[in-house]
Amino acid sequence: MVAIVTLAIVGSFGIFYAWEYRTQVLLDETASIKETYIRQLNFNVFFGNRGMGVTVETYKIPAYVTLWWQSGTNAFVYLQDQPVAVNSTWTTSVTLHNSGGHYWFLVAKSEAFGEGLTTIHVRVTV
């Protein structure tokens, strides 16, 4: 009887863990931006570190990618002003380790190119 209860508890925990840590696409969008594109990303890092894949494409104007975590007045920057060249795809992997709070993802257009729209495509997976 103890073995069955133990298996039920461990199995329930395993199912919950597998569900929370399944591969998820958080963003897969194409957008035209005049200055910035910002999104809040929500997912669980309660059970430990989590890998994130980031892909950004820009078509007319160079852009910069920033990713940070924030909880109240505490913050941690994972990526800061990573350049994405015109007509190219920039890809990276990041290991996230902060639980609680929120993750923020920002793509900013290069100010050196002045006014105008640029189209970007963003894909973020965990």
C-alpha atoms as a PDB file:
ATOM      1  CA  MET A   1       0.000   0.000   0.000  1.00  0.00           C
ATOM      2  CA  VAL A   2       2.846   2.393   0.852  1.00  0.00           C
ATOM      3  CA  ALA A   3       4.464   1.652  -2.506  1.00  0.00           C
ATOM      4  CA  ILE A   4       1.267   2.535  -4.379  1.00  0.00           C
ATOM      5  CA  VAL A   5       0.859   5.828  -2.497  1.00  0.00           C
ATOM      6  CA  THR A   6       4.541   6.653  -3.078  1.00  0.00           C
ATOM      7  CA  LEU A   7       4.213   5.889  -6.793  1.00  0.00           C
ATOM      8  CA  ALA A   8       1.081   8.048  -7.008  1.00  0.00           C
ATOM      9  CA  ILE A   9       2.828  10.989  -5.340  1.00  0.00           C
ATOM     10  CA  VAL A  10       6.028  10.657  -7.372  1.00  0.00           C
ATOM     11  CA  GLY A  11       4.023  10.112 -10.571  1.00  0.00           C
ATOM     12  CA  SER A  12       1.903  13.209  -9.933  1.00  0.00           C
ATOM     13  CA  PHE A  13       5.013  15.286  -9.303  1.00  0.00           C
ATOM     14  CA  GLY A  14       6.630  13.891 -12.470  1.00  0.00           C
ATOM     15  CA  ILE A  15       3.588  14.719 -14.591  1.00  0.00           C
ATOM     16  CA  PHE A  16       3.437  18.262 -13.173  1.00  0.00           C
ATOM     17  CA  TYR A  17       7.169  18.768 -13.778  1.00  0.00           C
ATOM     18  CA  ALA A  18       6.951  17.416 -17.335  1.00  0.00           C
ATOM     19  CA  TRP A  19       3.972  19.664 -18.102  1.00  0.00           C
ATOM     20  CA  GLU A  20       5.631  22.802 -16.722  1.00  0.00           C
ATOM     21  CA  TYR A  21       8.943  22.110 -18.467  1.00  0.00           C
ATOM     22  CA  ARG A  22       7.619  20.992 -21.850  1.00  0.00           C
ATOM     23  CA  THR A  23       8.936  22.867 -24.876  1.00  0.00           C
ATOM     24  CA  GLN A  24       6.799  25.963 -25.380  1.00  0.00           C
ATOM     25  CA  VAL A  25       6.767  28.695 -28.015  1.00  0.00           C
ATOM     26  CA  LEU A  26       6.322  31.937 -26.084  1.00  0.00           C
ATOM     27  CA  LEU A  27       6.567  34.286 -29.064  1.00  0.00           C
ATOM     28  CA  ASP A  28       6.357  33.732 -32.798  1.00  0.00           C
ATOM     29  CA  GLU A  29       5.390  37.087 -34.276  1.00  0.00           C
ATOM     30  CA  THR A  30       6.159  39.327 -37.193  1.00  0.00           C
ATOM     31  CA  ALA A  31       5.678  43.014 -36.446  1.00  0.00           C
ATOM     32  CA  SER A  32       6.469  46.421 -37.909  1.00  0.00           C
ATOM     33  CA  ILE A  33       8.130  48.656 -35.349  1.00  0.00           C
ATOM     34  CA  LYS A  34       8.831  52.362 -35.352  1.00  0.00           C
ATOM     35  CA  GLU A  35      11.046  52.335 -32.242  1.00  0.00           C
ATOM     36  CA  THR A  36      10.638  49.301 -29.960  1.00  0.00           C
ATOM     37  CA  TYR A  37       8.914  45.960 -29.534  1.00  0.00           C
ATOM     38  CA  ILE A  38       8.499  44.774 -25.933  1.00  0.00           C
ATOM     39  CA  ARG A  39       6.806  41.701 -24.472  1.00  0.00           C
ATOM     40  CA  GLN A  40       6.441  40.244 -21.000  1.00  0.00           C
ATOM     41  CA  LEU A  41       7.186  36.506 -20.926  1.00  0.00           C
ATOM     42  CA  ASN A  42       5.541  34.286 -18.318  1.00  0.00           C
ATOM     43  CA  PHE A  43       6.716  30.763 -17.550  1.00  0.00           C
ATOM     44  CA  ASN A  44       7.917  28.710 -14.591  1.00  0.00           C
ATOM     45  CA  VAL A  45      11.547  28.400 -13.427  1.00  0.00           C
ATOM     46  CA  PHE A  46      10.551  27.033  -9.995  1.00  0.00           C
ATOM     47  CA  PHE A  47      12.224  23.627 -10.483  1.00  0.00           C
ATOM     48  CA  GLY A  48      15.581  24.951 -11.665  1.00  0.00           C
ATOM     49  CA  ASN A  49      17.324  26.471 -14.656  1.00  0.00           C
ATOM     50  CA  ARG A  50      15.563  26.624 -17.983  1.00  0.00           C
ATOM     51  CA  GLY A  51      16.961  27.022 -21.482  1.00  0.00           C
ATOM     52  CA  MET A  52      15.538  29.693 -23.792  1.00  0.00           C
ATOM     53  CA  GLY A  53      16.060  29.926 -27.531  1.00  0.00           C
ATOM     54  CA  VAL A  54      15.831  33.384 -29.103  1.00  0.00           C
ATOM     55  CA  THR A  55      15.686  34.137 -32.835  1.00  0.00           C
ATOM     56  CA  VAL A  56      15.267  37.649 -34.256  1.00  0.00           C
ATOM     57  CA  GLU A  57      15.195  38.711 -37.911  1.00  0.00           C
ATOM     58  CA  THR A  58      15.150  42.296 -39.139  1.00  0.00           C
ATOM     59  CA  TYR A  59      14.525  43.372 -42.717  1.00  0.00           C
ATOM     60  CA  LYS A  60      15.214  47.104 -43.262  1.00  0.00           C
ATOM     61  CA  ILE A  61      16.944  48.619 -40.235  1.00  0.00           C
ATOM     62  CA  PRO A  62      19.382  47.058 -37.732  1.00  0.00           C
ATOM     63  CA  ALA A  63      17.981  46.280 -34.282  1.00  0.00           C
ATOM     64  CA  TYR A  64      19.182  45.431 -30.775  1.00  0.00           C
ATOM     65  CA  VAL A  65      17.877  42.679 -28.477  1.00  0.00           C
ATOM     66  CA  THR A  66      17.633  42.928 -24.678  1.00  0.00           C
ATOM     67  CA  LEU A  67      16.291  40.285 -22.265  1.00  0.00           C
ATOM     68  CA  TRP A  68      15.977  40.851 -18.528  1.00  0.00           C
ATOM     69  CA  TRP A  69      14.263  39.533 -15.408  1.00  0.00           C
ATOM     70  CA  GLN A  70      12.669  41.860 -12.873  1.00  0.00           C
ATOM     71  CA  SER A  71      11.021  41.370  -9.484  1.00  0.00           C
ATOM     72  CA  GLY A  72      10.231  44.591  -7.665  1.00  0.00           C
ATOM     73  CA  THR A  73      13.468  46.578  -7.536  1.00  0.00           C
ATOM     74  CA  ASN A  74      15.639  43.524  -8.288  1.00  0.00           C
ATOM     75  CA  ALA A  75      16.697  42.911 -11.873  1.00  0.00           C
ATOM     76  CA  PHE A  76      19.096  40.716 -13.821  1.00  0.00           C
ATOM     77  CA  VAL A  77      20.080  41.340 -17.456  1.00  0.00           C
ATOM     78  CA  TYR A  78      20.581  38.226 -19.602  1.00  0.00           C
ATOM     79  CA  LEU A  79      21.094  39.933 -22.976  1.00  0.00           C
ATOM     80  CA  GLN A  80      21.860  43.614 -23.447  1.00  0.00           C
ATOM     81  CA  ASP A  81      21.828  45.428 -26.790  1.00  0.00           C
ATOM     82  CA  GLN A  82      22.773  42.380 -28.856  1.00  0.00           C
ATOM     83  CA  PRO A  83      22.989  43.610 -32.483  1.00  0.00           C
ATOM     84  CA  VAL A  84      20.899  42.126 -35.289  1.00  0.00           C
ATOM     85  CA  ALA A  85      22.144  43.137 -38.747  1.00  0.00           C
ATOM     86  CA  VAL A  86      19.837  44.086 -41.629  1.00  0.00           C
ATOM     87  CA  ASN A  87      18.425  41.146 -43.614  1.00  0.00           C
ATOM     88  CA  SER A  88      19.860  38.606 -41.212  1.00  0.00           C
ATOM     89  CA  THR A  89      18.788  36.166 -38.536  1.00  0.00           C
ATOM     90  CA  TRP A  90      20.303  36.344 -35.059  1.00  0.00           C
ATOM     91  CA  THR A  91      19.965  33.284 -32.822  1.00  0.00           C
ATOM     92  CA  THR A  92      21.153  32.554 -29.297  1.00  0.00           C
ATOM     93  CA  SER A  93      20.457  30.337 -26.308  1.00  0.00           C
ATOM     94  CA  VAL A  94      20.193  31.631 -22.757  1.00  0.00           C
ATOM     95  CA  THR A  95      19.971  29.731 -19.464  1.00  0.00           C
ATOM     96  CA  LEU A  96      17.391  31.359 -17.202  1.00  0.00           C
ATOM     97  CA  HIS A  97      17.601  30.888 -13.450  1.00  0.00           C
ATOM     98  CA  ASN A  98      15.456  33.531 -11.729  1.00  0.00           C
ATOM     99  CA  SER A  99      12.073  32.400 -10.418  1.00  0.00           C
ATOM    100  CA  GLY A 100       9.266  34.743  -9.463  1.00  0.00           C
ATOM    101  CA  GLY A 101       9.051  38.145 -11.065  1.00  0.00           C
ATOM    102  CA  HIS A 102       8.750  38.637 -14.810  1.00  0.00           C
ATOM    103  CA  TYR A 103      10.956  38.232 -17.842  1.00  0.00           C
ATOM    104  CA  TRP A 104      10.956  41.063 -20.389  1.00  0.00           C
ATOM    105  CA  PHE A 105      12.020  40.864 -24.033  1.00  0.00           C
ATOM    106  CA  LEU A 106      12.819  44.031 -26.016  1.00  0.00           C
ATOM    107  CA  VAL A 107      13.815  44.637 -29.632  1.00  0.00           C
ATOM    108  CA  ALA A 108      14.819  48.249 -30.319  1.00  0.00           C
ATOM    109  CA  LYS A 109      15.436  49.753 -33.738  1.00  0.00           C
ATOM    110  CA  SER A 110      18.849  51.336 -34.299  1.00  0.00           C
ATOM    111  CA  GLU A 111      18.620  55.106 -33.763  1.00  0.00           C
ATOM    112  CA  ALA A 112      21.387  55.695 -36.320  1.00  0.00           C
ATOM    113  CA  PHE A 113      18.897  55.085 -39.141  1.00  0.00           C
ATOM    114  CA  GLY A 114      16.425  57.771 -38.050  1.00  0.00           C
ATOM    115  CA  GLU A 115      12.681  57.560 -38.531  1.00  0.00           C
ATOM    116  CA  GLY A 116      10.907  54.827 -40.389  1.00  0.00           C
ATOM    117  CA  LEU A 117       9.450  51.393 -39.902  1.00  0.00           C
ATOM    118  CA  THR A 118      11.286  48.113 -39.918  1.00  0.00           C
ATOM    119  CA  THR A 119       9.763  44.674 -39.925  1.00  0.00           C
ATOM    120  CA  ILE A 120      11.037  42.131 -37.436  1.00  0.00           C
ATOM    121  CA  HIS A 121      10.267  38.481 -36.813  1.00  0.00           C
ATOM    122  CA  VAL A 122      10.708  37.182 -33.261  1.00  0.00           C
ATOM    123  CA  ARG A 123      10.628  33.578 -32.035  1.00  0.00           C
ATOM    124  CA  VAL A 124      11.223  32.702 -28.376  1.00  0.00           C
ATOM    125  CA  THR A 125      11.030  29.144 -27.040  1.00  0.00           C
ATOM    126  CA  VAL A 126      11.617  27.617 -23.615  1.00  0.00           C
END
